[in-house]
Amino acid sequence: MYNVAQVIEEKCVAKKGCRLCIMYCPEANCLDLNVEKMVAEVNINRCKGCELCKVVCDAAKHHAIEMVAVSADGKLMDKAGEAAALGQAYQG
């Protein structure tokens, strides 16, 4: 089990110009703008769970990203597992 970022659409202010999570995500094509809904969207197959998007979103006081646990079969679970320290997912 590991954690991935999930955007809370009701709190996302991408339609007002915020793209902080997309800009700061170190993983290419992990966070993108859904132009139909005008919210950030996470590709859970690419997310490493580093939480950098959550850190910048919370710092901007939007709180639109939460970390959600993913089971071994790749399905999102109802609640988050134990969070890794920032950057821990990138350690060898």
N, C-alpha and C. Protein backbone atom coordinates (compact mmCIF):
# COMPACT_ATOMS: atom_id res chain seq x y z
N MET A 1 0.85 -1.18 0.00
CA MET A 1 0.00 0.00 0.00
C MET A 1 0.89 1.24 0.00
N TYR A 2 0.50 2.22 -0.75
CA TYR A 2 1.20 3.50 -0.80
C TYR A 2 0.18 4.61 -0.99
N ASN A 3 0.61 5.84 -0.85
CA ASN A 3 -0.30 6.99 -0.98
C ASN A 3 -0.07 7.73 -2.29
N VAL A 4 -1.16 8.23 -2.85
CA VAL A 4 -1.09 9.10 -4.02
C VAL A 4 -1.93 10.34 -3.74
N ALA A 5 -1.65 11.39 -4.48
CA ALA A 5 -2.40 12.64 -4.33
C ALA A 5 -3.74 12.53 -5.05
N GLN A 6 -4.75 13.16 -4.46
CA GLN A 6 -6.06 13.28 -5.09
C GLN A 6 -6.54 14.71 -4.90
N VAL A 7 -7.07 15.29 -5.96
CA VAL A 7 -7.56 16.66 -5.92
C VAL A 7 -9.02 16.68 -5.49
N ILE A 8 -9.34 17.53 -4.53
CA ILE A 8 -10.73 17.76 -4.12
C ILE A 8 -11.26 18.85 -5.05
N GLU A 9 -12.03 18.45 -6.03
CA GLU A 9 -12.44 19.37 -7.09
C GLU A 9 -13.14 20.62 -6.58
N GLU A 10 -13.94 20.48 -5.54
CA GLU A 10 -14.69 21.62 -5.01
C GLU A 10 -13.77 22.70 -4.42
N LYS A 11 -12.58 22.30 -3.99
CA LYS A 11 -11.64 23.24 -3.39
C LYS A 11 -10.59 23.75 -4.36
N CYS A 12 -10.41 23.07 -5.49
CA CYS A 12 -9.38 23.44 -6.46
C CYS A 12 -9.74 24.77 -7.12
N VAL A 13 -8.78 25.69 -7.15
CA VAL A 13 -9.00 27.02 -7.74
C VAL A 13 -8.21 27.20 -9.04
N ALA A 14 -8.00 26.12 -9.76
CA ALA A 14 -7.30 26.20 -11.04
C ALA A 14 -8.04 27.11 -12.02
N LYS A 15 -9.36 27.14 -11.92
CA LYS A 15 -10.15 28.00 -12.82
C LYS A 15 -9.86 29.48 -12.58
N LYS A 16 -9.30 29.81 -11.41
CA LYS A 16 -8.92 31.19 -11.10
C LYS A 16 -7.46 31.47 -11.42
N GLY A 17 -6.78 30.48 -12.01
CA GLY A 17 -5.40 30.70 -12.43
C GLY A 17 -4.35 29.96 -11.63
N CYS A 18 -4.72 29.33 -10.53
CA CYS A 18 -3.74 28.61 -9.71
C CYS A 18 -3.32 27.33 -10.44
N ARG A 19 -2.03 27.14 -10.56
CA ARG A 19 -1.48 25.91 -11.15
C ARG A 19 -0.26 25.46 -10.34
N LEU A 20 -0.21 25.84 -9.06
CA LEU A 20 0.97 25.55 -8.24
C LEU A 20 1.29 24.07 -8.18
N CYS A 21 0.29 23.24 -7.95
CA CYS A 21 0.56 21.80 -7.84
C CYS A 21 1.13 21.25 -9.14
N ILE A 22 0.62 21.70 -10.26
CA ILE A 22 1.10 21.25 -11.56
C ILE A 22 2.53 21.71 -11.79
N MET A 23 2.83 22.95 -11.45
CA MET A 23 4.17 23.51 -11.66
C MET A 23 5.23 22.85 -10.78
N TYR A 24 4.87 22.53 -9.53
CA TYR A 24 5.86 22.01 -8.59
C TYR A 24 5.99 20.50 -8.59
N CYS A 25 5.11 19.79 -9.23
CA CYS A 25 5.19 18.33 -9.25
C CYS A 25 6.46 17.89 -9.99
N PRO A 26 7.32 17.10 -9.34
CA PRO A 26 8.57 16.69 -9.98
C PRO A 26 8.40 15.55 -10.99
N GLU A 27 7.24 14.94 -11.03
CA GLU A 27 7.01 13.80 -11.93
C GLU A 27 6.28 14.28 -13.18
N ALA A 28 6.88 14.07 -14.34
CA ALA A 28 6.29 14.53 -15.60
C ALA A 28 4.93 13.88 -15.85
N ASN A 29 3.99 14.67 -16.31
CA ASN A 29 2.64 14.22 -16.67
C ASN A 29 1.90 13.53 -15.53
N CYS A 30 2.21 13.90 -14.32
CA CYS A 30 1.52 13.33 -13.16
C CYS A 30 0.31 14.19 -12.81
N LEU A 31 0.49 15.49 -12.76
CA LEU A 31 -0.60 16.43 -12.50
C LEU A 31 -0.82 17.26 -13.76
N ASP A 32 -2.04 17.27 -14.22
CA ASP A 32 -2.39 18.04 -15.41
C ASP A 32 -3.67 18.82 -15.15
N LEU A 33 -3.93 19.79 -15.99
CA LEU A 33 -5.15 20.57 -15.91
C LEU A 33 -6.23 19.90 -16.75
N ASN A 34 -7.35 19.60 -16.12
CA ASN A 34 -8.51 19.10 -16.84
C ASN A 34 -9.22 20.34 -17.37
N VAL A 35 -9.11 20.59 -18.67
CA VAL A 35 -9.63 21.84 -19.24
C VAL A 35 -11.15 21.86 -19.32
N GLU A 36 -11.79 20.71 -19.25
CA GLU A 36 -13.25 20.70 -19.25
C GLU A 36 -13.80 21.13 -17.90
N LYS A 37 -13.20 20.61 -16.82
CA LYS A 37 -13.64 20.94 -15.47
C LYS A 37 -12.87 22.11 -14.87
N MET A 38 -11.74 22.46 -15.48
CA MET A 38 -10.83 23.50 -14.99
C MET A 38 -10.38 23.24 -13.56
N VAL A 39 -9.93 22.01 -13.32
CA VAL A 39 -9.34 21.61 -12.05
C VAL A 39 -8.10 20.78 -12.34
N ALA A 40 -7.21 20.73 -11.37
CA ALA A 40 -6.04 19.86 -11.49
C ALA A 40 -6.49 18.42 -11.39
N GLU A 41 -5.77 17.54 -12.07
CA GLU A 41 -6.13 16.13 -12.08
C GLU A 41 -4.87 15.30 -11.96
N VAL A 42 -4.91 14.27 -11.11
CA VAL A 42 -3.74 13.43 -10.83
C VAL A 42 -3.83 12.14 -11.64
N ASN A 43 -2.73 11.79 -12.29
CA ASN A 43 -2.61 10.48 -12.93
C ASN A 43 -2.02 9.55 -11.88
N ILE A 44 -2.85 8.72 -11.24
CA ILE A 44 -2.38 7.92 -10.11
C ILE A 44 -1.34 6.89 -10.50
N ASN A 45 -1.25 6.55 -11.78
CA ASN A 45 -0.23 5.61 -12.23
C ASN A 45 1.16 6.25 -12.25
N ARG A 46 1.24 7.57 -12.23
CA ARG A 46 2.52 8.27 -12.26
C ARG A 46 2.90 8.88 -10.91
N CYS A 47 1.92 9.07 -10.04
CA CYS A 47 2.16 9.73 -8.75
C CYS A 47 3.04 8.86 -7.85
N LYS A 48 4.09 9.47 -7.31
CA LYS A 48 5.02 8.77 -6.42
C LYS A 48 4.71 9.02 -4.94
N GLY A 49 3.70 9.85 -4.67
CA GLY A 49 3.31 10.11 -3.29
C GLY A 49 4.27 11.00 -2.53
N CYS A 50 4.98 11.88 -3.21
CA CYS A 50 5.98 12.74 -2.54
C CYS A 50 5.33 13.84 -1.71
N GLU A 51 4.08 14.16 -1.99
CA GLU A 51 3.29 15.16 -1.27
C GLU A 51 3.71 16.60 -1.55
N LEU A 52 4.58 16.84 -2.50
CA LEU A 52 4.99 18.22 -2.80
C LEU A 52 3.80 19.05 -3.28
N CYS A 53 2.91 18.46 -4.06
CA CYS A 53 1.72 19.18 -4.52
C CYS A 53 0.84 19.58 -3.34
N LYS A 54 0.70 18.69 -2.39
CA LYS A 54 -0.10 18.98 -1.19
C LYS A 54 0.54 20.09 -0.37
N VAL A 55 1.86 20.08 -0.25
CA VAL A 55 2.56 21.11 0.51
C VAL A 55 2.33 22.48 -0.10
N VAL A 56 2.49 22.62 -1.43
CA VAL A 56 2.32 23.93 -2.05
C VAL A 56 0.85 24.36 -2.06
N CYS A 57 -0.06 23.42 -2.20
CA CYS A 57 -1.49 23.76 -2.17
C CYS A 57 -1.90 24.22 -0.77
N ASP A 58 -1.42 23.52 0.26
CA ASP A 58 -1.73 23.92 1.64
C ASP A 58 -1.08 25.27 1.98
N ALA A 59 0.14 25.51 1.46
CA ALA A 59 0.82 26.78 1.72
C ALA A 59 0.05 27.95 1.11
N ALA A 60 -0.62 27.68 0.00
CA ALA A 60 -1.45 28.71 -0.64
C ALA A 60 -2.83 28.81 0.00
N LYS A 61 -3.06 28.00 1.03
CA LYS A 61 -4.30 27.99 1.81
C LYS A 61 -5.53 27.52 1.02
N HIS A 62 -5.28 26.65 0.01
CA HIS A 62 -6.40 26.10 -0.75
C HIS A 62 -6.85 24.76 -0.17
N HIS A 63 -5.91 23.97 0.30
CA HIS A 63 -6.19 22.66 0.91
C HIS A 63 -7.03 21.78 -0.01
N ALA A 64 -6.68 21.76 -1.30
CA ALA A 64 -7.47 21.02 -2.28
C ALA A 64 -6.87 19.67 -2.64
N ILE A 65 -5.80 19.27 -1.95
CA ILE A 65 -5.17 17.98 -2.25
C ILE A 65 -5.09 17.16 -0.99
N GLU A 66 -5.48 15.90 -1.11
CA GLU A 66 -5.35 14.96 0.00
C GLU A 66 -4.59 13.74 -0.50
N MET A 67 -3.98 13.05 0.43
CA MET A 67 -3.26 11.83 0.09
C MET A 67 -4.18 10.65 0.38
N VAL A 68 -4.30 9.75 -0.60
CA VAL A 68 -5.20 8.61 -0.50
C VAL A 68 -4.39 7.34 -0.72
N ALA A 69 -4.68 6.32 0.07
CA ALA A 69 -3.98 5.05 -0.05
C ALA A 69 -4.42 4.30 -1.30
N VAL A 70 -3.46 3.60 -1.91
CA VAL A 70 -3.72 2.76 -3.06
C VAL A 70 -3.34 1.34 -2.66
N SER A 71 -4.22 0.40 -2.93
CA SER A 71 -3.95 -0.99 -2.59
C SER A 71 -2.97 -1.60 -3.59
N ALA A 72 -2.53 -2.80 -3.32
CA ALA A 72 -1.56 -3.48 -4.18
C ALA A 72 -2.11 -3.71 -5.59
N ASP A 73 -3.43 -3.79 -5.72
CA ASP A 73 -4.01 -3.99 -7.05
C ASP A 73 -4.30 -2.68 -7.79
N GLY A 74 -3.85 -1.56 -7.21
CA GLY A 74 -3.97 -0.26 -7.88
C GLY A 74 -5.28 0.46 -7.69
N LYS A 75 -6.10 0.04 -6.74
CA LYS A 75 -7.38 0.70 -6.50
C LYS A 75 -7.27 1.66 -5.32
N LEU A 76 -7.94 2.81 -5.45
CA LEU A 76 -7.96 3.79 -4.37
C LEU A 76 -8.74 3.25 -3.19
N MET A 77 -8.22 3.49 -1.99
CA MET A 77 -8.89 3.04 -0.79
C MET A 77 -9.62 4.22 -0.15
N ASP A 78 -10.47 3.96 0.81
CA ASP A 78 -11.29 4.99 1.43
C ASP A 78 -10.51 5.97 2.27
N LYS A 79 -9.44 5.53 2.92
CA LYS A 79 -8.68 6.44 3.76
C LYS A 79 -7.19 6.28 3.50
N ALA A 80 -6.45 7.30 3.85
CA ALA A 80 -5.01 7.31 3.58
C ALA A 80 -4.29 6.34 4.50
N GLY A 81 -3.19 5.81 3.99
CA GLY A 81 -2.32 4.97 4.80
C GLY A 81 -1.33 5.85 5.53
N GLU A 82 -0.35 5.25 6.10
CA GLU A 82 0.67 6.02 6.81
C GLU A 82 1.47 6.83 5.80
N ALA A 83 1.55 8.12 5.99
CA ALA A 83 2.22 8.99 5.03
C ALA A 83 3.73 8.87 5.14
N ALA A 84 4.39 8.90 4.01
CA ALA A 84 5.85 8.93 3.99
C ALA A 84 6.30 10.36 4.21
N ALA A 85 7.53 10.50 4.63
CA ALA A 85 8.10 11.84 4.78
C ALA A 85 8.28 12.44 3.40
N LEU A 86 8.28 13.75 3.30
CA LEU A 86 8.42 14.43 2.03
C LEU A 86 9.68 13.95 1.32
N GLY A 87 9.53 13.46 0.12
CA GLY A 87 10.67 13.00 -0.67
C GLY A 87 11.06 11.55 -0.42
N GLN A 88 10.44 10.89 0.55
CA GLN A 88 10.82 9.53 0.89
C GLN A 88 10.60 8.58 -0.29
N ALA A 89 9.60 8.84 -1.10
CA ALA A 89 9.30 7.97 -2.22
C ALA A 89 10.42 7.93 -3.25
N TYR A 90 11.28 8.94 -3.26
CA TYR A 90 12.35 9.00 -4.24
C TYR A 90 13.66 8.40 -3.74
N GLN A 91 13.70 7.98 -2.49
CA GLN A 91 14.91 7.38 -1.96
C GLN A 91 15.04 5.96 -2.48
N GLY A 92 16.26 5.55 -2.76
CA GLY A 92 16.54 4.23 -3.32
C GLY A 92 16.30 3.17 -2.41
